[in-house]
Amino acid sequence: MAVYEVLVSVLPRPVLLDPEGETIGRALRRQGHLAVQGVRAGRAFLLRLEAHDAEAALSLAHEVARTLLYNPVVETYTIHPPQPVQPT
């Protein structure tokens, strides 16, 4: 079996207010970053998974995200493509 790293990003649902993201966005604009049109603040989890292949790692990452990492009522999650970890 191979080892993969999978990044899981968790963000508030788009229809919900994001006070932290709004505060960060205002601060960036005050600092002169006028191109920043919006910010959503969330969490990221880097999972290191043992799996037969990238597809199996992706499936396991979805299972972990659905069962523990996010609250489906107020959040969404995105799984980034699994990256193989080189043995050391």
N, C-alpha and C. Protein backbone atom coordinates (compact mmCIF):
# COMPACT_ATOMS: atom_id res chain seq x y z
N MET A 1 0.84 -1.19 0.00
CA MET A 1 0.00 0.00 0.00
C MET A 1 0.88 1.24 0.00
N ALA A 2 0.35 2.28 -0.57
CA ALA A 2 1.05 3.56 -0.64
C ALA A 2 0.47 4.52 0.40
N VAL A 3 1.22 5.58 0.65
CA VAL A 3 0.76 6.63 1.56
C VAL A 3 0.49 7.88 0.73
N TYR A 4 -0.65 8.50 1.00
CA TYR A 4 -1.06 9.71 0.29
C TYR A 4 -1.36 10.82 1.28
N GLU A 5 -1.11 12.05 0.88
CA GLU A 5 -1.58 13.21 1.63
C GLU A 5 -2.76 13.81 0.88
N VAL A 6 -3.81 14.10 1.62
CA VAL A 6 -5.02 14.66 1.02
C VAL A 6 -5.41 15.89 1.84
N LEU A 7 -5.56 17.02 1.16
CA LEU A 7 -5.98 18.25 1.82
C LEU A 7 -7.49 18.37 1.75
N VAL A 8 -8.11 18.59 2.91
CA VAL A 8 -9.56 18.80 3.01
C VAL A 8 -9.78 20.24 3.46
N SER A 9 -10.46 21.03 2.66
CA SER A 9 -10.80 22.42 3.01
C SER A 9 -12.26 22.47 3.44
N VAL A 10 -12.51 23.12 4.56
CA VAL A 10 -13.87 23.26 5.09
C VAL A 10 -14.18 24.75 5.19
N LEU A 11 -15.31 25.15 4.57
CA LEU A 11 -15.72 26.55 4.55
C LEU A 11 -17.18 26.68 4.96
N PRO A 12 -17.56 27.86 5.46
CA PRO A 12 -18.99 28.08 5.74
C PRO A 12 -19.78 28.02 4.44
N ARG A 13 -21.02 27.56 4.52
CA ARG A 13 -21.88 27.55 3.33
C ARG A 13 -21.96 28.97 2.75
N PRO A 14 -21.99 29.09 1.43
CA PRO A 14 -22.01 30.42 0.81
C PRO A 14 -23.17 31.30 1.24
N VAL A 15 -24.30 30.72 1.60
CA VAL A 15 -25.47 31.52 1.98
C VAL A 15 -25.38 32.04 3.41
N LEU A 16 -24.41 31.56 4.18
CA LEU A 16 -24.29 31.99 5.57
C LEU A 16 -23.29 33.13 5.71
N LEU A 17 -23.52 33.96 6.71
CA LEU A 17 -22.58 35.03 7.01
C LEU A 17 -21.26 34.43 7.47
N ASP A 18 -20.18 35.14 7.20
CA ASP A 18 -18.84 34.72 7.62
C ASP A 18 -18.15 35.94 8.23
N PRO A 19 -18.44 36.24 9.51
CA PRO A 19 -17.88 37.43 10.13
C PRO A 19 -16.35 37.47 10.12
N GLU A 20 -15.72 36.32 10.31
CA GLU A 20 -14.25 36.28 10.30
C GLU A 20 -13.72 36.64 8.91
N GLY A 21 -14.29 36.05 7.88
CA GLY A 21 -13.87 36.37 6.52
C GLY A 21 -14.12 37.82 6.17
N GLU A 22 -15.26 38.36 6.59
CA GLU A 22 -15.57 39.77 6.31
C GLU A 22 -14.57 40.69 6.99
N THR A 23 -14.20 40.39 8.23
CA THR A 23 -13.23 41.20 8.97
C THR A 23 -11.87 41.16 8.28
N ILE A 24 -11.44 39.99 7.85
CA ILE A 24 -10.17 39.85 7.15
C ILE A 24 -10.21 40.63 5.83
N GLY A 25 -11.31 40.52 5.11
CA GLY A 25 -11.45 41.24 3.84
C GLY A 25 -11.35 42.75 4.03
N ARG A 26 -12.03 43.27 5.05
CA ARG A 26 -11.97 44.72 5.32
C ARG A 26 -10.54 45.14 5.67
N ALA A 27 -9.86 44.34 6.49
CA ALA A 27 -8.48 44.66 6.87
C ALA A 27 -7.56 44.66 5.66
N LEU A 28 -7.74 43.70 4.75
CA LEU A 28 -6.92 43.67 3.55
C LEU A 28 -7.14 44.90 2.68
N ARG A 29 -8.39 45.31 2.53
CA ARG A 29 -8.68 46.50 1.73
C ARG A 29 -8.11 47.76 2.38
N ARG A 30 -8.17 47.84 3.72
CA ARG A 30 -7.57 48.99 4.43
C ARG A 30 -6.06 49.03 4.21
N GLN A 31 -5.45 47.88 4.03
CA GLN A 31 -4.00 47.82 3.79
C GLN A 31 -3.65 48.09 2.32
N GLY A 32 -4.65 48.35 1.51
CA GLY A 32 -4.39 48.69 0.12
C GLY A 32 -4.59 47.56 -0.87
N HIS A 33 -5.03 46.42 -0.41
CA HIS A 33 -5.28 45.29 -1.31
C HIS A 33 -6.69 45.41 -1.89
N LEU A 34 -6.87 46.39 -2.75
CA LEU A 34 -8.20 46.71 -3.27
C LEU A 34 -8.73 45.67 -4.24
N ALA A 35 -7.87 44.81 -4.76
CA ALA A 35 -8.31 43.76 -5.67
C ALA A 35 -9.04 42.64 -4.93
N VAL A 36 -8.88 42.57 -3.62
CA VAL A 36 -9.55 41.52 -2.84
C VAL A 36 -11.03 41.88 -2.75
N GLN A 37 -11.86 41.08 -3.38
CA GLN A 37 -13.29 41.33 -3.42
C GLN A 37 -14.07 40.59 -2.34
N GLY A 38 -13.46 39.60 -1.74
CA GLY A 38 -14.14 38.86 -0.70
C GLY A 38 -13.22 37.80 -0.10
N VAL A 39 -13.51 37.43 1.12
CA VAL A 39 -12.74 36.40 1.83
C VAL A 39 -13.72 35.50 2.56
N ARG A 40 -13.50 34.21 2.49
CA ARG A 40 -14.24 33.24 3.31
C ARG A 40 -13.20 32.55 4.18
N ALA A 41 -13.42 32.55 5.47
CA ALA A 41 -12.48 31.92 6.41
C ALA A 41 -12.98 30.51 6.74
N GLY A 42 -12.05 29.59 6.84
CA GLY A 42 -12.42 28.22 7.14
C GLY A 42 -11.29 27.48 7.82
N ARG A 43 -11.29 26.17 7.62
CA ARG A 43 -10.28 25.31 8.22
C ARG A 43 -9.73 24.39 7.15
N ALA A 44 -8.51 23.92 7.37
CA ALA A 44 -7.91 22.95 6.46
C ALA A 44 -7.35 21.79 7.27
N PHE A 45 -7.48 20.59 6.72
CA PHE A 45 -6.97 19.38 7.35
C PHE A 45 -6.11 18.66 6.33
N LEU A 46 -4.89 18.33 6.71
CA LEU A 46 -4.02 17.55 5.84
C LEU A 46 -3.99 16.13 6.39
N LEU A 47 -4.63 15.23 5.64
CA LEU A 47 -4.72 13.84 6.06
C LEU A 47 -3.59 13.04 5.41
N ARG A 48 -2.95 12.19 6.17
CA ARG A 48 -1.98 11.25 5.63
C ARG A 48 -2.63 9.88 5.72
N LEU A 49 -2.90 9.29 4.56
CA LEU A 49 -3.69 8.07 4.49
C LEU A 49 -2.93 6.94 3.80
N GLU A 50 -3.11 5.76 4.30
CA GLU A 50 -2.57 4.58 3.62
C GLU A 50 -3.69 4.00 2.76
N ALA A 51 -3.40 3.79 1.47
CA ALA A 51 -4.43 3.30 0.56
C ALA A 51 -3.77 2.56 -0.60
N HIS A 52 -4.57 1.73 -1.27
CA HIS A 52 -4.06 0.98 -2.41
C HIS A 52 -3.72 1.89 -3.59
N ASP A 53 -4.51 2.95 -3.77
CA ASP A 53 -4.27 3.87 -4.88
C ASP A 53 -4.90 5.22 -4.55
N ALA A 54 -4.70 6.19 -5.46
CA ALA A 54 -5.21 7.54 -5.22
C ALA A 54 -6.73 7.56 -5.11
N GLU A 55 -7.41 6.75 -5.88
CA GLU A 55 -8.88 6.70 -5.83
C GLU A 55 -9.37 6.22 -4.45
N ALA A 56 -8.69 5.22 -3.90
CA ALA A 56 -9.06 4.73 -2.57
C ALA A 56 -8.76 5.78 -1.51
N ALA A 57 -7.66 6.52 -1.66
CA ALA A 57 -7.33 7.60 -0.72
C ALA A 57 -8.39 8.69 -0.77
N LEU A 58 -8.83 9.01 -1.98
CA LEU A 58 -9.88 10.02 -2.16
C LEU A 58 -11.18 9.58 -1.50
N SER A 59 -11.55 8.34 -1.68
CA SER A 59 -12.77 7.80 -1.08
C SER A 59 -12.70 7.85 0.44
N LEU A 60 -11.55 7.46 0.99
CA LEU A 60 -11.38 7.49 2.45
C LEU A 60 -11.43 8.92 2.97
N ALA A 61 -10.82 9.86 2.25
CA ALA A 61 -10.86 11.26 2.66
C ALA A 61 -12.29 11.79 2.71
N HIS A 62 -13.12 11.42 1.72
CA HIS A 62 -14.53 11.82 1.73
C HIS A 62 -15.24 11.24 2.95
N GLU A 63 -14.98 9.99 3.25
CA GLU A 63 -15.62 9.35 4.41
C GLU A 63 -15.23 10.06 5.70
N VAL A 64 -13.94 10.36 5.86
CA VAL A 64 -13.47 11.05 7.06
C VAL A 64 -14.09 12.44 7.16
N ALA A 65 -14.14 13.16 6.04
CA ALA A 65 -14.72 14.50 6.05
C ALA A 65 -16.20 14.46 6.43
N ARG A 66 -16.93 13.52 5.83
CA ARG A 66 -18.38 13.44 6.10
C ARG A 66 -18.67 13.04 7.55
N THR A 67 -17.83 12.19 8.13
CA THR A 67 -18.14 11.67 9.47
C THR A 67 -17.60 12.52 10.60
N LEU A 68 -16.61 13.38 10.32
CA LEU A 68 -16.02 14.11 11.45
C LEU A 68 -15.59 15.54 11.16
N LEU A 69 -15.11 15.85 9.98
CA LEU A 69 -14.43 17.11 9.76
C LEU A 69 -15.33 18.31 9.49
N TYR A 70 -16.56 18.07 9.06
CA TYR A 70 -17.41 19.23 8.75
C TYR A 70 -18.83 19.01 9.25
N ASN A 71 -19.54 20.13 9.41
CA ASN A 71 -20.94 20.10 9.83
C ASN A 71 -21.78 20.41 8.59
N PRO A 72 -22.51 19.43 8.06
CA PRO A 72 -23.23 19.64 6.80
C PRO A 72 -24.32 20.70 6.87
N VAL A 73 -24.74 21.08 8.04
CA VAL A 73 -25.78 22.10 8.17
C VAL A 73 -25.23 23.48 7.83
N VAL A 74 -23.99 23.76 8.22
CA VAL A 74 -23.45 25.11 8.06
C VAL A 74 -22.16 25.18 7.24
N GLU A 75 -21.62 24.03 6.80
CA GLU A 75 -20.34 24.04 6.11
C GLU A 75 -20.37 23.19 4.85
N THR A 76 -19.41 23.45 3.98
CA THR A 76 -19.14 22.60 2.83
C THR A 76 -17.68 22.18 2.92
N TYR A 77 -17.34 21.14 2.20
CA TYR A 77 -15.93 20.75 2.17
C TYR A 77 -15.50 20.45 0.75
N THR A 78 -14.20 20.58 0.52
CA THR A 78 -13.59 20.27 -0.76
C THR A 78 -12.41 19.36 -0.50
N ILE A 79 -12.31 18.32 -1.30
CA ILE A 79 -11.17 17.41 -1.23
C ILE A 79 -10.24 17.76 -2.39
N HIS A 80 -9.00 18.02 -2.09
CA HIS A 80 -8.00 18.29 -3.11
C HIS A 80 -7.37 16.96 -3.54
N PRO A 81 -6.84 16.88 -4.75
CA PRO A 81 -6.33 15.59 -5.25
C PRO A 81 -5.26 15.00 -4.34
N PRO A 82 -5.35 13.69 -4.10
CA PRO A 82 -4.34 13.03 -3.27
C PRO A 82 -2.95 13.13 -3.90
N GLN A 83 -1.96 13.33 -3.05
CA GLN A 83 -0.58 13.38 -3.49
C GLN A 83 0.20 12.25 -2.85
N PRO A 84 0.89 11.44 -3.63
CA PRO A 84 1.67 10.36 -3.03
C PRO A 84 2.80 10.91 -2.17
N VAL A 85 3.05 10.27 -1.05
CA VAL A 85 4.14 10.66 -0.16
C VAL A 85 5.32 9.76 -0.48
N GLN A 86 6.44 10.39 -0.74
CA GLN A 86 7.65 9.63 -1.06
C GLN A 86 8.21 9.01 0.22
N PRO A 87 8.59 7.75 0.18
CA PRO A 87 9.17 7.12 1.37
C PRO A 87 10.49 7.81 1.73
N THR A 88 10.74 7.88 3.03
CA THR A 88 11.98 8.53 3.48
C THR A 88 13.04 7.52 3.83
